[in-house]
Amino acid sequence: MLGRLDAIHTFSSNFCITPFVGKIPYPHTLRLDAREVDDVFSIPLAVLIDPTTTVAETWTMDGRTIPVTAYRHDGRTIWGATQRITASLIDLVIAIRADQD
C-alpha cells in the first residue's frame, strides 16, 4: 500500500469513493469477482500523462447534456469517477516528479 488519494463523490450514484494506491508485483494473476468487475486493463502512465490522451466532450445522458473529461487510449475510454481518480493520481505523480528535479 502506497497511500490514500482524496475522496471522490460520484454524481450519478451519490457514492463517496476513497481510492487507495498500491503496488502489485509483476506478474500477478488477478482474481476477479464478475459481480463487481467487468474488465481489467492497463494503460502505461506515460500515456495517461500525455495531454493528447485527454479529451473534453459534451455527452447527452438521460436527456441531459453534460461536460465530460475522459482518457482515450487503444479503443478504451476512462471517464466519470474513474477518470477523476486517475487524474488525481496523475497530478500527484507529476508533483512528485517536479519535487525530485
PDB file of N, CA and C in Angstrom:
ATOM      1  N   MET A   1       0.855  -1.169   0.000  1.00  0.00           N
ATOM      2  CA  MET A   1       0.000   0.000   0.000  1.00  0.00           C
ATOM      3  C   MET A   1       0.904   1.236   0.000  1.00  0.00           C
ATOM      4  N   LEU A   2       0.647   2.134  -0.957  1.00  0.00           N
ATOM      5  CA  LEU A   2       1.439   3.355  -1.055  1.00  0.00           C
ATOM      6  C   LEU A   2       0.748   4.551  -0.397  1.00  0.00           C
ATOM      7  N   GLY A   3      -0.574   4.580  -0.404  1.00  0.00           N
ATOM      8  CA  GLY A   3      -1.263   5.694   0.231  1.00  0.00           C
ATOM      9  C   GLY A   3      -2.686   5.868  -0.254  1.00  0.00           C
ATOM     10  N   ARG A   4      -3.338   6.885   0.304  1.00  0.00           N
ATOM     11  CA  ARG A   4      -4.736   7.179   0.010  1.00  0.00           C
ATOM     12  C   ARG A   4      -4.821   8.482  -0.775  1.00  0.00           C
ATOM     13  N   LEU A   5      -5.693   8.504  -1.771  1.00  0.00           N
ATOM     14  CA  LEU A   5      -5.983   9.735  -2.510  1.00  0.00           C
ATOM     15  C   LEU A   5      -7.198  10.411  -1.880  1.00  0.00           C
ATOM     16  N   ASP A   6      -7.456  11.632  -2.276  1.00  0.00           N
ATOM     17  CA  ASP A   6      -8.634  12.339  -1.783  1.00  0.00           C
ATOM     18  C   ASP A   6      -9.906  11.616  -2.228  1.00  0.00           C
ATOM     19  N   ALA A   7     -10.921  11.678  -1.396  1.00  0.00           N
ATOM     20  CA  ALA A   7     -12.207  11.054  -1.705  1.00  0.00           C
ATOM     21  C   ALA A   7     -12.837  11.725  -2.926  1.00  0.00           C
ATOM     22  N   ILE A   8     -13.554  10.945  -3.697  1.00  0.00           N
ATOM     23  CA  ILE A   8     -14.248  11.410  -4.904  1.00  0.00           C
ATOM     24  C   ILE A   8     -15.734  11.119  -4.742  1.00  0.00           C
ATOM     25  N   HIS A   9     -16.564  12.112  -5.003  1.00  0.00           N
ATOM     26  CA  HIS A   9     -18.017  11.935  -4.945  1.00  0.00           C
ATOM     27  C   HIS A   9     -18.525  11.583  -6.337  1.00  0.00           C
ATOM     28  N   THR A  10     -19.371  10.565  -6.436  1.00  0.00           N
ATOM     29  CA  THR A  10     -19.966  10.215  -7.731  1.00  0.00           C
ATOM     30  C   THR A  10     -21.264  10.993  -7.897  1.00  0.00           C
ATOM     31  N   PHE A  11     -21.474  11.484  -9.093  1.00  0.00           N
ATOM     32  CA  PHE A  11     -22.651  12.306  -9.354  1.00  0.00           C
ATOM     33  C   PHE A  11     -23.905  11.466  -9.570  1.00  0.00           C
ATOM     34  N   SER A  12     -23.776  10.387 -10.339  1.00  0.00           N
ATOM     35  CA  SER A  12     -24.973   9.623 -10.705  1.00  0.00           C
ATOM     36  C   SER A  12     -25.484   8.727  -9.583  1.00  0.00           C
ATOM     37  N   SER A  13     -24.565   8.127  -8.809  1.00  0.00           N
ATOM     38  CA  SER A  13     -24.994   7.188  -7.770  1.00  0.00           C
ATOM     39  C   SER A  13     -24.890   7.751  -6.354  1.00  0.00           C
ATOM     40  N   ASN A  14     -24.334   8.953  -6.227  1.00  0.00           N
ATOM     41  CA  ASN A  14     -24.227   9.634  -4.939  1.00  0.00           C
ATOM     42  C   ASN A  14     -23.386   8.847  -3.923  1.00  0.00           C
ATOM     43  N   PHE A  15     -22.325   8.196  -4.411  1.00  0.00           N
ATOM     44  CA  PHE A  15     -21.391   7.496  -3.535  1.00  0.00           C
ATOM     45  C   PHE A  15     -20.184   8.377  -3.264  1.00  0.00           C
ATOM     46  N   CYS A  16     -19.489   8.093  -2.187  1.00  0.00           N
ATOM     47  CA  CYS A  16     -18.204   8.703  -1.897  1.00  0.00           C
ATOM     48  C   CYS A  16     -17.169   7.584  -1.975  1.00  0.00           C
ATOM     49  N   ILE A  17     -16.211   7.713  -2.895  1.00  0.00           N
ATOM     50  CA  ILE A  17     -15.185   6.698  -3.104  1.00  0.00           C
ATOM     51  C   ILE A  17     -13.880   7.213  -2.511  1.00  0.00           C
ATOM     52  N   THR A  18     -13.249   6.407  -1.677  1.00  0.00           N
ATOM     53  CA  THR A  18     -11.932   6.745  -1.160  1.00  0.00           C
ATOM     54  C   THR A  18     -10.931   5.802  -1.826  1.00  0.00           C
ATOM     55  N   PRO A  19     -10.176   6.317  -2.817  1.00  0.00           N
ATOM     56  CA  PRO A  19      -9.241   5.448  -3.546  1.00  0.00           C
ATOM     57  C   PRO A  19      -7.922   5.274  -2.791  1.00  0.00           C
ATOM     58  N   PHE A  20      -7.373   4.074  -2.889  1.00  0.00           N
ATOM     59  CA  PHE A  20      -6.061   3.766  -2.334  1.00  0.00           C
ATOM     60  C   PHE A  20      -5.148   3.337  -3.475  1.00  0.00           C
ATOM     61  N   VAL A  21      -3.877   3.676  -3.359  1.00  0.00           N
ATOM     62  CA  VAL A  21      -2.887   3.334  -4.375  1.00  0.00           C
ATOM     63  C   VAL A  21      -1.952   2.294  -3.781  1.00  0.00           C
ATOM     64  N   GLY A  22      -1.709   1.262  -4.548  1.00  0.00           N
ATOM     65  CA  GLY A  22      -0.801   0.222  -4.100  1.00  0.00           C
ATOM     66  C   GLY A  22       0.025  -0.288  -5.256  1.00  0.00           C
ATOM     67  N   LYS A  23       1.005  -1.065  -4.938  1.00  0.00           N
ATOM     68  CA  LYS A  23       1.874  -1.656  -5.953  1.00  0.00           C
ATOM     69  C   LYS A  23       1.614  -3.155  -5.983  1.00  0.00           C
ATOM     70  N   ILE A  24       1.343  -3.674  -7.162  1.00  0.00           N
ATOM     71  CA  ILE A  24       1.107  -5.102  -7.348  1.00  0.00           C
ATOM     72  C   ILE A  24       2.334  -5.670  -8.050  1.00  0.00           C
ATOM     73  N   PRO A  25       2.979  -6.676  -7.457  1.00  0.00           N
ATOM     74  CA  PRO A  25       4.176  -7.243  -8.105  1.00  0.00           C
ATOM     75  C   PRO A  25       3.822  -7.898  -9.442  1.00  0.00           C
ATOM     76  N   TYR A  26       4.734  -7.799 -10.383  1.00  0.00           N
ATOM     77  CA  TYR A  26       4.528  -8.384 -11.705  1.00  0.00           C
ATOM     78  C   TYR A  26       5.354  -9.653 -11.800  1.00  0.00           C
ATOM     79  N   PRO A  27       4.862 -10.699 -12.361  1.00  0.00           N
ATOM     80  CA  PRO A  27       3.488 -10.891 -12.824  1.00  0.00           C
ATOM     81  C   PRO A  27       2.580 -11.274 -11.652  1.00  0.00           C
ATOM     82  N   HIS A  28       1.312 -10.985 -11.806  1.00  0.00           N
ATOM     83  CA  HIS A  28       0.337 -11.304 -10.774  1.00  0.00           C
ATOM     84  C   HIS A  28      -0.973 -11.692 -11.448  1.00  0.00           C
ATOM     85  N   THR A  29      -1.562 -12.768 -10.994  1.00  0.00           N
ATOM     86  CA  THR A  29      -2.849 -13.200 -11.524  1.00  0.00           C
ATOM     87  C   THR A  29      -3.947 -12.609 -10.658  1.00  0.00           C
ATOM     88  N   LEU A  30      -4.780 -11.783 -11.269  1.00  0.00           N
ATOM     89  CA  LEU A  30      -5.887 -11.174 -10.538  1.00  0.00           C
ATOM     90  C   LEU A  30      -7.055 -12.145 -10.469  1.00  0.00           C
ATOM     91  N   ARG A  31      -7.721 -12.171  -9.344  1.00  0.00           N
ATOM     92  CA  ARG A  31      -8.937 -12.967  -9.186  1.00  0.00           C
ATOM     93  C   ARG A  31     -10.112 -11.994  -9.172  1.00  0.00           C
ATOM     94  N   LEU A  32     -10.880 -11.992 -10.231  1.00  0.00           N
ATOM     95  CA  LEU A  32     -11.955 -11.026 -10.391  1.00  0.00           C
ATOM     96  C   LEU A  32     -13.284 -11.593  -9.918  1.00  0.00           C
ATOM     97  N   ASP A  33     -14.071 -10.742  -9.310  1.00  0.00           N
ATOM     98  CA  ASP A  33     -15.447 -11.092  -8.948  1.00  0.00           C
ATOM     99  C   ASP A  33     -16.332 -10.524 -10.051  1.00  0.00           C
ATOM    100  N   ALA A  34     -16.920 -11.392 -10.866  1.00  0.00           N
ATOM    101  CA  ALA A  34     -17.715 -10.964 -12.020  1.00  0.00           C
ATOM    102  C   ALA A  34     -18.895 -10.086 -11.618  1.00  0.00           C
ATOM    103  N   ARG A  35     -19.320 -10.154 -10.351  1.00  0.00           N
ATOM    104  CA  ARG A  35     -20.407  -9.283  -9.887  1.00  0.00           C
ATOM    105  C   ARG A  35     -19.919  -7.855  -9.671  1.00  0.00           C
ATOM    106  N   GLU A  36     -18.622  -7.672  -9.545  1.00  0.00           N
ATOM    107  CA  GLU A  36     -18.045  -6.366  -9.252  1.00  0.00           C
ATOM    108  C   GLU A  36     -17.222  -5.782 -10.396  1.00  0.00           C
ATOM    109  N   VAL A  37     -16.590  -6.651 -11.178  1.00  0.00           N
ATOM    110  CA  VAL A  37     -15.618  -6.204 -12.179  1.00  0.00           C
ATOM    111  C   VAL A  37     -16.002  -6.766 -13.539  1.00  0.00           C
ATOM    112  N   ASP A  38     -16.120  -5.868 -14.504  1.00  0.00           N
ATOM    113  CA  ASP A  38     -16.452  -6.284 -15.863  1.00  0.00           C
ATOM    114  C   ASP A  38     -15.196  -6.523 -16.692  1.00  0.00           C
ATOM    115  N   ASP A  39     -14.131  -5.743 -16.430  1.00  0.00           N
ATOM    116  CA  ASP A  39     -12.944  -5.802 -17.270  1.00  0.00           C
ATOM    117  C   ASP A  39     -11.755  -5.225 -16.498  1.00  0.00           C
ATOM    118  N   VAL A  40     -10.584  -5.733 -16.790  1.00  0.00           N
ATOM    119  CA  VAL A  40      -9.350  -5.192 -16.234  1.00  0.00           C
ATOM    120  C   VAL A  40      -8.395  -4.957 -17.393  1.00  0.00           C
ATOM    121  N   PHE A  41      -7.756  -3.796 -17.385  1.00  0.00           N
ATOM    122  CA  PHE A  41      -6.778  -3.475 -18.417  1.00  0.00           C
ATOM    123  C   PHE A  41      -5.762  -2.517 -17.819  1.00  0.00           C
ATOM    124  N   SER A  42      -4.677  -2.331 -18.511  1.00  0.00           N
ATOM    125  CA  SER A  42      -3.671  -1.374 -18.040  1.00  0.00           C
ATOM    126  C   SER A  42      -3.328  -0.406 -19.159  1.00  0.00           C
ATOM    127  N   ILE A  43      -2.981   0.776 -18.748  1.00  0.00           N
ATOM    128  CA  ILE A  43      -2.515   1.816 -19.661  1.00  0.00           C
ATOM    129  C   ILE A  43      -1.237   2.369 -19.048  1.00  0.00           C
ATOM    130  N   PRO A  44      -0.150   2.434 -19.792  1.00  0.00           N
ATOM    131  CA  PRO A  44       1.092   2.970 -19.236  1.00  0.00           C
ATOM    132  C   PRO A  44       0.906   4.394 -18.708  1.00  0.00           C
ATOM    133  N   LEU A  45       1.548   4.692 -17.599  1.00  0.00           N
ATOM    134  CA  LEU A  45       1.461   6.016 -17.005  1.00  0.00           C
ATOM    135  C   LEU A  45       1.893   7.094 -17.994  1.00  0.00           C
ATOM    136  N   ALA A  46       2.916   6.817 -18.788  1.00  0.00           N
ATOM    137  CA  ALA A  46       3.387   7.795 -19.770  1.00  0.00           C
ATOM    138  C   ALA A  46       2.288   8.175 -20.756  1.00  0.00           C
ATOM    139  N   VAL A  47       1.419   7.225 -21.084  1.00  0.00           N
ATOM    140  CA  VAL A  47       0.300   7.503 -21.993  1.00  0.00           C
ATOM    141  C   VAL A  47      -0.714   8.408 -21.301  1.00  0.00           C
ATOM    142  N   LEU A  48      -1.030   8.124 -20.035  1.00  0.00           N
ATOM    143  CA  LEU A  48      -2.011   8.929 -19.316  1.00  0.00           C
ATOM    144  C   LEU A  48      -1.499  10.352 -19.051  1.00  0.00           C
ATOM    145  N   ILE A  49      -0.205  10.493 -18.864  1.00  0.00           N
ATOM    146  CA  ILE A  49       0.369  11.825 -18.628  1.00  0.00           C
ATOM    147  C   ILE A  49       0.370  12.664 -19.907  1.00  0.00           C
ATOM    148  N   ASP A  50       0.408  12.014 -21.057  1.00  0.00           N
ATOM    149  CA  ASP A  50       0.405  12.716 -22.347  1.00  0.00           C
ATOM    150  C   ASP A  50      -0.924  13.456 -22.520  1.00  0.00           C
ATOM    151  N   PRO A  51      -0.877  14.798 -22.660  1.00  0.00           N
ATOM    152  CA  PRO A  51      -2.128  15.562 -22.764  1.00  0.00           C
ATOM    153  C   PRO A  51      -2.993  15.203 -23.966  1.00  0.00           C
ATOM    154  N   THR A  52      -2.433  14.592 -25.001  1.00  0.00           N
ATOM    155  CA  THR A  52      -3.242  14.223 -26.164  1.00  0.00           C
ATOM    156  C   THR A  52      -4.163  13.041 -25.864  1.00  0.00           C
ATOM    157  N   THR A  53      -3.946  12.363 -24.742  1.00  0.00           N
ATOM    158  CA  THR A  53      -4.797  11.247 -24.340  1.00  0.00           C
ATOM    159  C   THR A  53      -6.107  11.743 -23.727  1.00  0.00           C
ATOM    160  N   THR A  54      -6.118  12.979 -23.242  1.00  0.00           N
ATOM    161  CA  THR A  54      -7.279  13.541 -22.564  1.00  0.00           C
ATOM    162  C   THR A  54      -8.174  14.269 -23.561  1.00  0.00           C
ATOM    163  N   VAL A  55      -9.477  14.003 -23.475  1.00  0.00           N
ATOM    164  CA  VAL A  55     -10.442  14.690 -24.324  1.00  0.00           C
ATOM    165  C   VAL A  55     -11.512  15.341 -23.446  1.00  0.00           C
ATOM    166  N   ALA A  56     -11.983  16.491 -23.864  1.00  0.00           N
ATOM    167  CA  ALA A  56     -13.110  17.169 -23.201  1.00  0.00           C
ATOM    168  C   ALA A  56     -14.248  17.199 -24.206  1.00  0.00           C
ATOM    169  N   GLU A  57     -15.372  16.617 -23.823  1.00  0.00           N
ATOM    170  CA  GLU A  57     -16.506  16.495 -24.738  1.00  0.00           C
ATOM    171  C   GLU A  57     -17.797  16.868 -24.025  1.00  0.00           C
ATOM    172  N   THR A  58     -18.848  16.923 -24.799  1.00  0.00           N
ATOM    173  CA  THR A  58     -20.188  17.095 -24.244  1.00  0.00           C
ATOM    174  C   THR A  58     -20.979  15.848 -24.602  1.00  0.00           C
ATOM    175  N   TRP A  59     -21.513  15.181 -23.576  1.00  0.00           N
ATOM    176  CA  TRP A  59     -22.286  13.967 -23.768  1.00  0.00           C
ATOM    177  C   TRP A  59     -23.733  14.234 -23.388  1.00  0.00           C
ATOM    178  N   THR A  60     -24.650  13.470 -23.999  1.00  0.00           N
ATOM    179  CA  THR A  60     -26.049  13.502 -23.603  1.00  0.00           C
ATOM    180  C   THR A  60     -26.354  12.197 -22.881  1.00  0.00           C
ATOM    181  N   MET A  61     -26.756  12.338 -21.616  1.00  0.00           N
ATOM    182  CA  MET A  61     -27.063  11.166 -20.795  1.00  0.00           C
ATOM    183  C   MET A  61     -28.388  11.408 -20.093  1.00  0.00           C
ATOM    184  N   ASP A  62     -29.289  10.464 -20.210  1.00  0.00           N
ATOM    185  CA  ASP A  62     -30.609  10.580 -19.582  1.00  0.00           C
ATOM    186  C   ASP A  62     -31.293  11.896 -19.953  1.00  0.00           C
ATOM    187  N   GLY A  63     -31.106  12.312 -21.205  1.00  0.00           N
ATOM    188  CA  GLY A  63     -31.742  13.533 -21.687  1.00  0.00           C
ATOM    189  C   GLY A  63     -31.059  14.822 -21.264  1.00  0.00           C
ATOM    190  N   ARG A  64     -29.946  14.719 -20.542  1.00  0.00           N
ATOM    191  CA  ARG A  64     -29.212  15.914 -20.098  1.00  0.00           C
ATOM    192  C   ARG A  64     -27.890  16.005 -20.838  1.00  0.00           C
ATOM    193  N   THR A  65     -27.476  17.215 -21.147  1.00  0.00           N
ATOM    194  CA  THR A  65     -26.184  17.449 -21.769  1.00  0.00           C
ATOM    195  C   THR A  65     -25.189  17.793 -20.666  1.00  0.00           C
ATOM    196  N   ILE A  66     -24.092  17.025 -20.609  1.00  0.00           N
ATOM    197  CA  ILE A  66     -23.108  17.249 -19.553  1.00  0.00           C
ATOM    198  C   ILE A  66     -21.698  17.286 -20.135  1.00  0.00           C
ATOM    199  N   PRO A  67     -20.827  18.114 -19.542  1.00  0.00           N
ATOM    200  CA  PRO A  67     -19.421  18.107 -19.965  1.00  0.00           C
ATOM    201  C   PRO A  67     -18.719  16.886 -19.371  1.00  0.00           C
ATOM    202  N   VAL A  68     -17.910  16.220 -20.179  1.00  0.00           N
ATOM    203  CA  VAL A  68     -17.205  15.020 -19.738  1.00  0.00           C
ATOM    204  C   VAL A  68     -15.743  15.127 -20.148  1.00  0.00           C
ATOM    205  N   THR A  69     -14.862  14.902 -19.192  1.00  0.00           N
ATOM    206  CA  THR A  69     -13.437  14.766 -19.481  1.00  0.00           C
ATOM    207  C   THR A  69     -13.129  13.278 -19.426  1.00  0.00           C
ATOM    208  N   ALA A  70     -12.389  12.793 -20.408  1.00  0.00           N
ATOM    209  CA  ALA A  70     -12.102  11.363 -20.485  1.00  0.00           C
ATOM    210  C   ALA A  70     -10.686  11.140 -20.984  1.00  0.00           C
ATOM    211  N   TYR A  71     -10.176   9.949 -20.684  1.00  0.00           N
ATOM    212  CA  TYR A  71      -8.929   9.481 -21.287  1.00  0.00           C
ATOM    213  C   TYR A  71      -9.319   8.500 -22.366  1.00  0.00           C
ATOM    214  N   ARG A  72      -8.672   8.618 -23.526  1.00  0.00           N
ATOM    215  CA  ARG A  72      -8.914   7.689 -24.629  1.00  0.00           C
ATOM    216  C   ARG A  72      -7.590   7.058 -25.033  1.00  0.00           C
ATOM    217  N   HIS A  73      -7.591   5.716 -25.059  1.00  0.00           N
ATOM    218  CA  HIS A  73      -6.385   5.007 -25.477  1.00  0.00           C
ATOM    219  C   HIS A  73      -6.751   3.599 -25.917  1.00  0.00           C
ATOM    220  N   ASP A  74      -6.245   3.228 -27.072  1.00  0.00           N
ATOM    221  CA  ASP A  74      -6.353   1.861 -27.553  1.00  0.00           C
ATOM    222  C   ASP A  74      -7.800   1.340 -27.536  1.00  0.00           C
ATOM    223  N   GLY A  75      -8.730   2.197 -27.964  1.00  0.00           N
ATOM    224  CA  GLY A  75     -10.126   1.801 -28.054  1.00  0.00           C
ATOM    225  C   GLY A  75     -10.878   1.815 -26.735  1.00  0.00           C
ATOM    226  N   ARG A  76     -10.258   2.305 -25.680  1.00  0.00           N
ATOM    227  CA  ARG A  76     -10.902   2.355 -24.368  1.00  0.00           C
ATOM    228  C   ARG A  76     -11.128   3.804 -23.951  1.00  0.00           C
ATOM    229  N   THR A  77     -12.179   4.018 -23.169  1.00  0.00           N
ATOM    230  CA  THR A  77     -12.494   5.341 -22.640  1.00  0.00           C
ATOM    231  C   THR A  77     -12.609   5.233 -21.125  1.00  0.00           C
ATOM    232  N   ILE A  78     -11.847   6.070 -20.424  1.00  0.00           N
ATOM    233  CA  ILE A  78     -11.941   6.160 -18.969  1.00  0.00           C
ATOM    234  C   ILE A  78     -12.603   7.490 -18.661  1.00  0.00           C
ATOM    235  N   TRP A  79     -13.741   7.453 -17.976  1.00  0.00           N
ATOM    236  CA  TRP A  79     -14.482   8.683 -17.712  1.00  0.00           C
ATOM    237  C   TRP A  79     -15.130   8.604 -16.329  1.00  0.00           C
ATOM    238  N   GLY A  80     -15.820   9.652 -15.956  1.00  0.00           N
ATOM    239  CA  GLY A  80     -16.554   9.667 -14.685  1.00  0.00           C
ATOM    240  C   GLY A  80     -15.622   9.632 -13.485  1.00  0.00           C
ATOM    241  N   ALA A  81     -16.062   8.952 -12.440  1.00  0.00           N
ATOM    242  CA  ALA A  81     -15.278   8.891 -11.203  1.00  0.00           C
ATOM    243  C   ALA A  81     -13.912   8.246 -11.446  1.00  0.00           C
ATOM    244  N   THR A  82     -13.857   7.244 -12.312  1.00  0.00           N
ATOM    245  CA  THR A  82     -12.575   6.589 -12.596  1.00  0.00           C
ATOM    246  C   THR A  82     -11.603   7.573 -13.231  1.00  0.00           C
ATOM    247  N   GLN A  83     -12.098   8.414 -14.137  1.00  0.00           N
ATOM    248  CA  GLN A  83     -11.229   9.427 -14.751  1.00  0.00           C
ATOM    249  C   GLN A  83     -10.763  10.427 -13.709  1.00  0.00           C
ATOM    250  N   ARG A  84     -11.649  10.857 -12.833  1.00  0.00           N
ATOM    251  CA  ARG A  84     -11.269  11.850 -11.823  1.00  0.00           C
ATOM    252  C   ARG A  84     -10.271  11.273 -10.819  1.00  0.00           C
ATOM    253  N   ILE A  85     -10.434  10.006 -10.454  1.00  0.00           N
ATOM    254  CA  ILE A  85      -9.467   9.348  -9.571  1.00  0.00           C
ATOM    255  C   ILE A  85      -8.115   9.239 -10.270  1.00  0.00           C
ATOM    256  N   THR A  86      -8.132   8.825 -11.524  1.00  0.00           N
ATOM    257  CA  THR A  86      -6.899   8.700 -12.303  1.00  0.00           C
ATOM    258  C   THR A  86      -6.213  10.053 -12.449  1.00  0.00           C
ATOM    259  N   ALA A  87      -6.982  11.106 -12.727  1.00  0.00           N
ATOM    260  CA  ALA A  87      -6.412  12.451 -12.858  1.00  0.00           C
ATOM    261  C   ALA A  87      -5.767  12.893 -11.553  1.00  0.00           C
ATOM    262  N   SER A  88      -6.392  12.568 -10.437  1.00  0.00           N
ATOM    263  CA  SER A  88      -5.834  12.895  -9.128  1.00  0.00           C
ATOM    264  C   SER A  88      -4.489  12.202  -8.930  1.00  0.00           C
ATOM    265  N   LEU A  89      -4.403  10.937  -9.305  1.00  0.00           N
ATOM    266  CA  LEU A  89      -3.145  10.196  -9.193  1.00  0.00           C
ATOM    267  C   LEU A  89      -2.080  10.791 -10.112  1.00  0.00           C
ATOM    268  N   ILE A  90      -2.459  11.114 -11.331  1.00  0.00           N
ATOM    269  CA  ILE A  90      -1.505  11.696 -12.280  1.00  0.00           C
ATOM    270  C   ILE A  90      -0.984  13.036 -11.770  1.00  0.00           C
ATOM    271  N   ASP A  91      -1.866  13.879 -11.245  1.00  0.00           N
ATOM    272  CA  ASP A  91      -1.437  15.163 -10.679  1.00  0.00           C
ATOM    273  C   ASP A  91      -0.415  14.940  -9.567  1.00  0.00           C
ATOM    274  N   LEU A  92      -0.640  13.946  -8.735  1.00  0.00           N
ATOM    275  CA  LEU A  92       0.276  13.630  -7.641  1.00  0.00           C
ATOM    276  C   LEU A  92       1.625  13.152  -8.183  1.00  0.00           C
ATOM    277  N   VAL A  93       1.611  12.282  -9.175  1.00  0.00           N
ATOM    278  CA  VAL A  93       2.854  11.782  -9.781  1.00  0.00           C
ATOM    279  C   VAL A  93       3.644  12.934 -10.398  1.00  0.00           C
ATOM    280  N   ILE A  94       2.965  13.822 -11.106  1.00  0.00           N
ATOM    281  CA  ILE A  94       3.636  14.968 -11.726  1.00  0.00           C
ATOM    282  C   ILE A  94       4.245  15.869 -10.654  1.00  0.00           C
ATOM    283  N   ALA A  95       3.536  16.106  -9.565  1.00  0.00           N
ATOM    284  CA  ALA A  95       4.046  16.945  -8.475  1.00  0.00           C
ATOM    285  C   ALA A  95       5.266  16.305  -7.816  1.00  0.00           C
ATOM    286  N   ILE A  96       5.234  15.001  -7.612  1.00  0.00           N
ATOM    287  CA  ILE A  96       6.382  14.301  -7.005  1.00  0.00           C
ATOM    288  C   ILE A  96       7.580  14.381  -7.932  1.00  0.00           C
ATOM    289  N   ARG A  97       7.353  14.175  -9.218  1.00  0.00           N
ATOM    290  CA  ARG A  97       8.462  14.274 -10.188  1.00  0.00           C
ATOM    291  C   ARG A  97       9.067  15.674 -10.185  1.00  0.00           C
ATOM    292  N   ALA A  98       8.218  16.702 -10.101  1.00  0.00           N
ATOM    293  CA  ALA A  98       8.703  18.089 -10.104  1.00  0.00           C
ATOM    294  C   ALA A  98       9.544  18.364  -8.861  1.00  0.00           C
ATOM    295  N   ASP A  99       9.130  17.799  -7.712  1.00  0.00           N
ATOM    296  CA  ASP A  99       9.885  17.976  -6.465  1.00  0.00           C
ATOM    297  C   ASP A  99      11.241  17.288  -6.526  1.00  0.00           C
ATOM    298  N   GLN A 100      11.342  16.224  -7.316  1.00  0.00           N
ATOM    299  CA  GLN A 100      12.596  15.468  -7.406  1.00  0.00           C
ATOM    300  C   GLN A 100      13.585  16.110  -8.369  1.00  0.00           C
ATOM    301  N   ASP A 101      13.115  17.026  -9.195  1.00  0.00           N
ATOM    302  CA  ASP A 101      14.012  17.693 -10.166  1.00  0.00           C
ATOM    303  C   ASP A 101      14.838  18.775  -9.537  1.00  0.00           C
TER     304      ASP A 101
END
